[in-house]
Amino acid sequence: ASGGSYIASQTVKKVIEINPYLLGTMAGGAADCQ
């Protein structure tokens, strides 16, 4: 997770488990996607 040249985290979970058969991915604003 980065904000320009600042690295906020190296351990962000970018796959969101919607249900046991559905997955969603994150790109863009982390808060919006989550």
PDB file of all heavy atoms in Angstrom:
ATOM      1  N   ALA A   1       0.864  -1.176   0.000  1.00  0.00           N
ATOM      2  CA  ALA A   1       0.000   0.000   0.000  1.00  0.00           C
ATOM      3  C   ALA A   1       0.901   1.226   0.000  1.00  0.00           C
ATOM      4  O   ALA A   1       1.781   1.350   0.858  1.00  0.00           O
ATOM      5  CB  ALA A   1      -0.903   0.016   1.224  1.00  0.00           C
ATOM      6  N   SER A   2       0.687   2.114  -0.961  1.00  0.00           N
ATOM      7  CA  SER A   2       1.555   3.283  -1.075  1.00  0.00           C
ATOM      8  C   SER A   2       0.733   4.537  -1.316  1.00  0.00           C
ATOM      9  O   SER A   2      -0.379   4.483  -1.848  1.00  0.00           O
ATOM     10  CB  SER A   2       2.548   3.097  -2.238  1.00  0.00           C
ATOM     11  OG  SER A   2       1.851   2.901  -3.457  1.00  0.00           O
ATOM     12  N   GLY A   3       1.308   5.664  -0.910  1.00  0.00           N
ATOM     13  CA  GLY A   3       0.739   6.972  -1.188  1.00  0.00           C
ATOM     14  C   GLY A   3       1.836   7.808  -1.810  1.00  0.00           C
ATOM     15  O   GLY A   3       2.623   8.417  -1.095  1.00  0.00           O
ATOM     16  N   GLY A   4       1.940   7.762  -3.121  1.00  0.00           N
ATOM     17  CA  GLY A   4       3.079   8.383  -3.775  1.00  0.00           C
ATOM     18  C   GLY A   4       4.348   7.589  -3.471  1.00  0.00           C
ATOM     19  O   GLY A   4       4.389   6.376  -3.622  1.00  0.00           O
ATOM     20  N   SER A   5       5.367   8.279  -2.995  1.00  0.00           N
ATOM     21  CA  SER A   5       6.631   7.607  -2.678  1.00  0.00           C
ATOM     22  C   SER A   5       6.638   6.995  -1.279  1.00  0.00           C
ATOM     23  O   SER A   5       7.606   6.330  -0.902  1.00  0.00           O
ATOM     24  CB  SER A   5       7.793   8.607  -2.794  1.00  0.00           C
ATOM     25  OG  SER A   5       7.595   9.698  -1.904  1.00  0.00           O
ATOM     26  N   TYR A   6       5.577   7.222  -0.517  1.00  0.00           N
ATOM     27  CA  TYR A   6       5.505   6.689   0.844  1.00  0.00           C
ATOM     28  C   TYR A   6       4.881   5.302   0.823  1.00  0.00           C
ATOM     29  O   TYR A   6       3.771   5.110   0.311  1.00  0.00           O
ATOM     30  CB  TYR A   6       4.672   7.624   1.734  1.00  0.00           C
ATOM     31  CG  TYR A   6       4.403   7.061   3.119  1.00  0.00           C
ATOM     32  CD1 TYR A   6       5.432   6.921   4.033  1.00  0.00           C
ATOM     33  CD2 TYR A   6       3.121   6.663   3.488  1.00  0.00           C
ATOM     34  CE1 TYR A   6       5.195   6.409   5.295  1.00  0.00           C
ATOM     35  CE2 TYR A   6       2.871   6.152   4.751  1.00  0.00           C
ATOM     36  CZ  TYR A   6       3.916   6.029   5.649  1.00  0.00           C
ATOM     37  OH  TYR A   6       3.690   5.510   6.887  1.00  0.00           O
ATOM     38  N   ILE A   7       5.588   4.328   1.393  1.00  0.00           N
ATOM     39  CA  ILE A   7       5.069   2.960   1.492  1.00  0.00           C
ATOM     40  C   ILE A   7       4.399   2.819   2.856  1.00  0.00           C
ATOM     41  O   ILE A   7       5.059   2.816   3.891  1.00  0.00           O
ATOM     42  CB  ILE A   7       6.193   1.920   1.321  1.00  0.00           C
ATOM     43  CG1 ILE A   7       6.818   2.063  -0.070  1.00  0.00           C
ATOM     44  CG2 ILE A   7       5.647   0.504   1.517  1.00  0.00           C
ATOM     45  CD1 ILE A   7       8.041   1.182  -0.285  1.00  0.00           C
ATOM     46  N   ALA A   8       3.076   2.680   2.841  1.00  0.00           N
ATOM     47  CA  ALA A   8       2.323   2.622   4.088  1.00  0.00           C
ATOM     48  C   ALA A   8       2.343   1.228   4.698  1.00  0.00           C
ATOM     49  O   ALA A   8       2.336   1.079   5.916  1.00  0.00           O
ATOM     50  CB  ALA A   8       0.881   3.062   3.848  1.00  0.00           C
ATOM     51  N   SER A   9       2.337   0.217   3.861  1.00  0.00           N
ATOM     52  CA  SER A   9       2.298  -1.157   4.360  1.00  0.00           C
ATOM     53  C   SER A   9       2.807  -2.105   3.290  1.00  0.00           C
ATOM     54  O   SER A   9       2.678  -1.835   2.091  1.00  0.00           O
ATOM     55  CB  SER A   9       0.874  -1.541   4.765  1.00  0.00           C
ATOM     56  OG  SER A   9       0.810  -2.913   5.130  1.00  0.00           O
ATOM     57  N   GLN A  10       3.368  -3.216   3.739  1.00  0.00           N
ATOM     58  CA  GLN A  10       3.809  -4.276   2.829  1.00  0.00           C
ATOM     59  C   GLN A  10       2.968  -5.541   3.001  1.00  0.00           C
ATOM     60  O   GLN A  10       3.281  -6.558   2.391  1.00  0.00           O
ATOM     61  CB  GLN A  10       5.283  -4.627   3.113  1.00  0.00           C
ATOM     62  CG  GLN A  10       6.267  -3.540   2.745  1.00  0.00           C
ATOM     63  CD  GLN A  10       6.643  -3.558   1.282  1.00  0.00           C
ATOM     64  OE1 GLN A  10       5.819  -3.340   0.408  1.00  0.00           O
ATOM     65  NE2 GLN A  10       7.904  -3.861   1.009  1.00  0.00           N
ATOM     66  N   THR A  11       1.928  -5.461   3.800  1.00  0.00           N
ATOM     67  CA  THR A  11       1.156  -6.678   4.113  1.00  0.00           C
ATOM     68  C   THR A  11      -0.344  -6.467   3.942  1.00  0.00           C
ATOM     69  O   THR A  11      -1.142  -6.995   4.711  1.00  0.00           O
ATOM     70  CB  THR A  11       1.449  -7.138   5.554  1.00  0.00           C
ATOM     71  OG1 THR A  11       1.143  -6.065   6.455  1.00  0.00           O
ATOM     72  CG2 THR A  11       2.898  -7.541   5.719  1.00  0.00           C
ATOM     73  N   VAL A  12      -0.740  -5.699   2.939  1.00  0.00           N
ATOM     74  CA  VAL A  12      -2.158  -5.437   2.716  1.00  0.00           C
ATOM     75  C   VAL A  12      -2.814  -6.655   2.055  1.00  0.00           C
ATOM     76  O   VAL A  12      -2.256  -7.271   1.148  1.00  0.00           O
ATOM     77  CB  VAL A  12      -2.354  -4.196   1.832  1.00  0.00           C
ATOM     78  CG1 VAL A  12      -3.820  -4.008   1.487  1.00  0.00           C
ATOM     79  CG2 VAL A  12      -1.815  -2.973   2.535  1.00  0.00           C
ATOM     80  N   LYS A  13      -3.988  -6.970   2.520  1.00  0.00           N
ATOM     81  CA  LYS A  13      -4.770  -8.082   1.953  1.00  0.00           C
ATOM     82  C   LYS A  13      -5.621  -7.524   0.818  1.00  0.00           C
ATOM     83  O   LYS A  13      -6.643  -6.893   1.045  1.00  0.00           O
ATOM     84  CB  LYS A  13      -5.646  -8.689   3.050  1.00  0.00           C
ATOM     85  CG  LYS A  13      -6.431  -9.901   2.640  1.00  0.00           C
ATOM     86  CD  LYS A  13      -7.245 -10.408   3.823  1.00  0.00           C
ATOM     87  CE  LYS A  13      -8.094 -11.597   3.443  1.00  0.00           C
ATOM     88  NZ  LYS A  13      -8.914 -12.051   4.592  1.00  0.00           N
ATOM     89  N   LYS A  14      -5.217  -7.781  -0.424  1.00  0.00           N
ATOM     90  CA  LYS A  14      -5.880  -7.191  -1.581  1.00  0.00           C
ATOM     91  C   LYS A  14      -6.881  -8.125  -2.251  1.00  0.00           C
ATOM     92  O   LYS A  14      -7.431  -7.782  -3.300  1.00  0.00           O
ATOM     93  CB  LYS A  14      -4.837  -6.724  -2.602  1.00  0.00           C
ATOM     94  CG  LYS A  14      -3.951  -5.610  -2.081  1.00  0.00           C
ATOM     95  CD  LYS A  14      -3.020  -5.077  -3.135  1.00  0.00           C
ATOM     96  CE  LYS A  14      -2.126  -3.974  -2.555  1.00  0.00           C
ATOM     97  NZ  LYS A  14      -1.211  -3.421  -3.561  1.00  0.00           N
ATOM     98  N   VAL A  15      -7.098  -9.282  -1.675  1.00  0.00           N
ATOM     99  CA  VAL A  15      -8.171 -10.166  -2.133  1.00  0.00           C
ATOM    100  C   VAL A  15      -9.201 -10.242  -1.008  1.00  0.00           C
ATOM    101  O   VAL A  15      -8.869 -10.612   0.115  1.00  0.00           O
ATOM    102  CB  VAL A  15      -7.654 -11.570  -2.482  1.00  0.00           C
ATOM    103  CG1 VAL A  15      -8.817 -12.491  -2.831  1.00  0.00           C
ATOM    104  CG2 VAL A  15      -6.676 -11.508  -3.655  1.00  0.00           C
ATOM    105  N   ILE A  16     -10.438  -9.879  -1.321  1.00  0.00           N
ATOM    106  CA  ILE A  16     -11.513  -9.884  -0.327  1.00  0.00           C
ATOM    107  C   ILE A  16     -12.427 -11.069  -0.601  1.00  0.00           C
ATOM    108  O   ILE A  16     -12.937 -11.228  -1.718  1.00  0.00           O
ATOM    109  CB  ILE A  16     -12.304  -8.562  -0.373  1.00  0.00           C
ATOM    110  CG1 ILE A  16     -11.379  -7.406   0.042  1.00  0.00           C
ATOM    111  CG2 ILE A  16     -13.530  -8.618   0.536  1.00  0.00           C
ATOM    112  CD1 ILE A  16     -12.009  -6.046  -0.051  1.00  0.00           C
ATOM    113  N   GLU A  17     -12.620 -11.903   0.423  1.00  0.00           N
ATOM    114  CA  GLU A  17     -13.458 -13.086   0.278  1.00  0.00           C
ATOM    115  C   GLU A  17     -14.917 -12.685   0.466  1.00  0.00           C
ATOM    116  O   GLU A  17     -15.365 -12.451   1.593  1.00  0.00           O
ATOM    117  CB  GLU A  17     -13.071 -14.164   1.310  1.00  0.00           C
ATOM    118  CG  GLU A  17     -11.629 -14.640   1.192  1.00  0.00           C
ATOM    119  CD  GLU A  17     -10.663 -13.863   2.063  1.00  0.00           C
ATOM    120  OE1 GLU A  17     -11.074 -12.786   2.576  1.00  0.00           O
ATOM    121  OE2 GLU A  17      -9.520 -14.310   2.220  1.00  0.00           O
ATOM    122  N   ILE A  18     -15.652 -12.608  -0.617  1.00  0.00           N
ATOM    123  CA  ILE A  18     -17.054 -12.192  -0.564  1.00  0.00           C
ATOM    124  C   ILE A  18     -17.919 -13.313   0.006  1.00  0.00           C
ATOM    125  O   ILE A  18     -18.788 -13.084   0.844  1.00  0.00           O
ATOM    126  CB  ILE A  18     -17.533 -11.778  -1.967  1.00  0.00           C
ATOM    127  CG1 ILE A  18     -16.715 -10.576  -2.448  1.00  0.00           C
ATOM    128  CG2 ILE A  18     -19.033 -11.446  -1.962  1.00  0.00           C
ATOM    129  CD1 ILE A  18     -16.919 -10.232  -3.901  1.00  0.00           C
ATOM    130  N   ASN A  19     -17.712 -14.518  -0.462  1.00  0.00           N
ATOM    131  CA  ASN A  19     -18.318 -15.720   0.114  1.00  0.00           C
ATOM    132  C   ASN A  19     -17.420 -16.900  -0.284  1.00  0.00           C
ATOM    133  O   ASN A  19     -16.404 -16.685  -0.960  1.00  0.00           O
ATOM    134  CB  ASN A  19     -19.792 -15.895  -0.309  1.00  0.00           C
ATOM    135  CG  ASN A  19     -19.974 -16.186  -1.784  1.00  0.00           C
ATOM    136  OD1 ASN A  19     -19.131 -16.805  -2.434  1.00  0.00           O
ATOM    137  ND2 ASN A  19     -21.095 -15.748  -2.335  1.00  0.00           N
ATOM    138  N   PRO A  20     -17.723 -18.131   0.108  1.00  0.00           N
ATOM    139  CA  PRO A  20     -16.815 -19.248  -0.207  1.00  0.00           C
ATOM    140  C   PRO A  20     -16.616 -19.525  -1.693  1.00  0.00           C
ATOM    141  O   PRO A  20     -15.722 -20.297  -2.059  1.00  0.00           O
ATOM    142  CB  PRO A  20     -17.491 -20.445   0.481  1.00  0.00           C
ATOM    143  CG  PRO A  20     -18.259 -19.850   1.604  1.00  0.00           C
ATOM    144  CD  PRO A  20     -18.768 -18.548   1.070  1.00  0.00           C
ATOM    145  N   TYR A  21     -17.419 -18.892  -2.560  1.00  0.00           N
ATOM    146  CA  TYR A  21     -17.298 -19.121  -4.000  1.00  0.00           C
ATOM    147  C   TYR A  21     -16.998 -17.844  -4.779  1.00  0.00           C
ATOM    148  O   TYR A  21     -16.867 -17.894  -6.000  1.00  0.00           O
ATOM    149  CB  TYR A  21     -18.592 -19.741  -4.542  1.00  0.00           C
ATOM    150  CG  TYR A  21     -18.855 -21.130  -4.025  1.00  0.00           C
ATOM    151  CD1 TYR A  21     -19.487 -21.322  -2.800  1.00  0.00           C
ATOM    152  CD2 TYR A  21     -18.463 -22.249  -4.743  1.00  0.00           C
ATOM    153  CE1 TYR A  21     -19.734 -22.595  -2.302  1.00  0.00           C
ATOM    154  CE2 TYR A  21     -18.699 -23.533  -4.260  1.00  0.00           C
ATOM    155  CZ  TYR A  21     -19.331 -23.698  -3.047  1.00  0.00           C
ATOM    156  OH  TYR A  21     -19.557 -24.971  -2.557  1.00  0.00           O
ATOM    157  N   LEU A  22     -16.889 -16.721  -4.107  1.00  0.00           N
ATOM    158  CA  LEU A  22     -16.686 -15.436  -4.764  1.00  0.00           C
ATOM    159  C   LEU A  22     -15.503 -14.689  -4.153  1.00  0.00           C
ATOM    160  O   LEU A  22     -15.365 -14.637  -2.929  1.00  0.00           O
ATOM    161  CB  LEU A  22     -17.931 -14.555  -4.622  1.00  0.00           C
ATOM    162  CG  LEU A  22     -19.054 -14.677  -5.649  1.00  0.00           C
ATOM    163  CD1 LEU A  22     -20.214 -13.790  -5.229  1.00  0.00           C
ATOM    164  CD2 LEU A  22     -18.580 -14.307  -7.030  1.00  0.00           C
ATOM    165  N   LEU A  23     -14.680 -14.107  -5.026  1.00  0.00           N
ATOM    166  CA  LEU A  23     -13.552 -13.290  -4.584  1.00  0.00           C
ATOM    167  C   LEU A  23     -13.603 -11.933  -5.274  1.00  0.00           C
ATOM    168  O   LEU A  23     -14.077 -11.814  -6.409  1.00  0.00           O
ATOM    169  CB  LEU A  23     -12.218 -13.963  -4.930  1.00  0.00           C
ATOM    170  CG  LEU A  23     -11.847 -15.252  -4.202  1.00  0.00           C
ATOM    171  CD1 LEU A  23     -10.557 -15.827  -4.780  1.00  0.00           C
ATOM    172  CD2 LEU A  23     -11.694 -15.017  -2.715  1.00  0.00           C
ATOM    173  N   GLY A  24     -13.096 -10.922  -4.584  1.00  0.00           N
ATOM    174  CA  GLY A  24     -12.947  -9.596  -5.166  1.00  0.00           C
ATOM    175  C   GLY A  24     -11.526  -9.107  -4.942  1.00  0.00           C
ATOM    176  O   GLY A  24     -10.911  -9.424  -3.925  1.00  0.00           O
ATOM    177  N   THR A  25     -10.992  -8.349  -5.890  1.00  0.00           N
ATOM    178  CA  THR A  25      -9.640  -7.807  -5.746  1.00  0.00           C
ATOM    179  C   THR A  25      -9.706  -6.297  -5.536  1.00  0.00           C
ATOM    180  O   THR A  25     -10.719  -5.656  -5.837  1.00  0.00           O
ATOM    181  CB  THR A  25      -8.782  -8.099  -6.991  1.00  0.00           C
ATOM    182  OG1 THR A  25      -9.360  -7.440  -8.135  1.00  0.00           O
ATOM    183  CG2 THR A  25      -8.714  -9.603  -7.249  1.00  0.00           C
ATOM    184  N   MET A  26      -8.618  -5.742  -5.024  1.00  0.00           N
ATOM    185  CA  MET A  26      -8.530  -4.314  -4.718  1.00  0.00           C
ATOM    186  C   MET A  26      -7.462  -3.643  -5.558  1.00  0.00           C
ATOM    187  O   MET A  26      -6.336  -4.108  -5.614  1.00  0.00           O
ATOM    188  CB  MET A  26      -8.159  -4.104  -3.245  1.00  0.00           C
ATOM    189  CG  MET A  26      -9.236  -4.475  -2.260  1.00  0.00           C
ATOM    190  SD  MET A  26      -8.603  -4.422  -0.553  1.00  0.00           S
ATOM    191  CE  MET A  26      -7.660  -2.901  -0.550  1.00  0.00           C
ATOM    192  N   ALA A  27      -7.843  -2.553  -6.219  1.00  0.00           N
ATOM    193  CA  ALA A  27      -6.873  -1.674  -6.873  1.00  0.00           C
ATOM    194  C   ALA A  27      -7.484  -0.280  -6.873  1.00  0.00           C
ATOM    195  O   ALA A  27      -8.668  -0.116  -7.162  1.00  0.00           O
ATOM    196  CB  ALA A  27      -6.579  -2.129  -8.302  1.00  0.00           C
ATOM    197  N   GLY A  28      -6.693   0.717  -6.533  1.00  0.00           N
ATOM    198  CA  GLY A  28      -7.198   2.076  -6.401  1.00  0.00           C
ATOM    199  C   GLY A  28      -7.148   2.498  -4.944  1.00  0.00           C
ATOM    200  O   GLY A  28      -6.148   2.291  -4.261  1.00  0.00           O
ATOM    201  N   GLY A  29      -8.219   3.068  -4.454  1.00  0.00           N
ATOM    202  CA  GLY A  29      -8.287   3.467  -3.046  1.00  0.00           C
ATOM    203  C   GLY A  29      -8.651   2.280  -2.179  1.00  0.00           C
ATOM    204  O   GLY A  29      -9.676   1.625  -2.393  1.00  0.00           O
ATOM    205  N   ALA A  30      -7.823   1.993  -1.193  1.00  0.00           N
ATOM    206  CA  ALA A  30      -8.046   0.814  -0.350  1.00  0.00           C
ATOM    207  C   ALA A  30      -9.380   0.909   0.393  1.00  0.00           C
ATOM    208  O   ALA A  30     -10.135  -0.066   0.463  1.00  0.00           O
ATOM    209  CB  ALA A  30      -6.899   0.656   0.643  1.00  0.00           C
ATOM    210  N   ALA A  31      -9.691   2.077   0.938  1.00  0.00           N
ATOM    211  CA  ALA A  31     -10.928   2.237   1.703  1.00  0.00           C
ATOM    212  C   ALA A  31     -12.150   2.019   0.819  1.00  0.00           C
ATOM    213  O   ALA A  31     -13.107   1.348   1.221  1.00  0.00           O
ATOM    214  CB  ALA A  31     -10.980   3.623   2.340  1.00  0.00           C
ATOM    215  N   ASP A  32     -12.128   2.583  -0.393  1.00  0.00           N
ATOM    216  CA  ASP A  32     -13.262   2.424  -1.303  1.00  0.00           C
ATOM    217  C   ASP A  32     -13.482   0.955  -1.651  1.00  0.00           C
ATOM    218  O   ASP A  32     -14.615   0.452  -1.602  1.00  0.00           O
ATOM    219  CB  ASP A  32     -13.032   3.224  -2.588  1.00  0.00           C
ATOM    220  CG  ASP A  32     -13.025   4.728  -2.351  1.00  0.00           C
ATOM    221  OD1 ASP A  32     -13.567   5.157  -1.317  1.00  0.00           O
ATOM    222  OD2 ASP A  32     -12.482   5.460  -3.192  1.00  0.00           O
ATOM    223  N   CYS A  33     -12.410   0.274  -2.026  1.00  0.00           N
ATOM    224  CA  CYS A  33     -12.533  -1.132  -2.418  1.00  0.00           C
ATOM    225  C   CYS A  33     -13.006  -1.992  -1.257  1.00  0.00           C
ATOM    226  O   CYS A  33     -13.904  -2.826  -1.414  1.00  0.00           O
ATOM    227  CB  CYS A  33     -11.194  -1.658  -2.931  1.00  0.00           C
ATOM    228  SG  CYS A  33     -10.647  -0.925  -4.484  1.00  0.00           S
ATOM    229  N   GLN A  34     -12.424  -1.795  -0.096  1.00  0.00           N
ATOM    230  CA  GLN A  34     -12.802  -2.614   1.059  1.00  0.00           C
ATOM    231  C   GLN A  34     -14.253  -2.380   1.446  1.00  0.00           C
ATOM    232  O   GLN A  34     -15.005  -3.334   1.679  1.00  0.00           O
ATOM    233  CB  GLN A  34     -11.881  -2.298   2.245  1.00  0.00           C
ATOM    234  CG  GLN A  34     -10.482  -2.861   2.091  1.00  0.00           C
ATOM    235  CD  GLN A  34      -9.603  -2.531   3.288  1.00  0.00           C
ATOM    236  OE1 GLN A  34      -9.945  -1.699   4.124  1.00  0.00           O
ATOM    237  NE2 GLN A  34      -8.461  -3.176   3.371  1.00  0.00           N
TER     238      GLN A  34
END
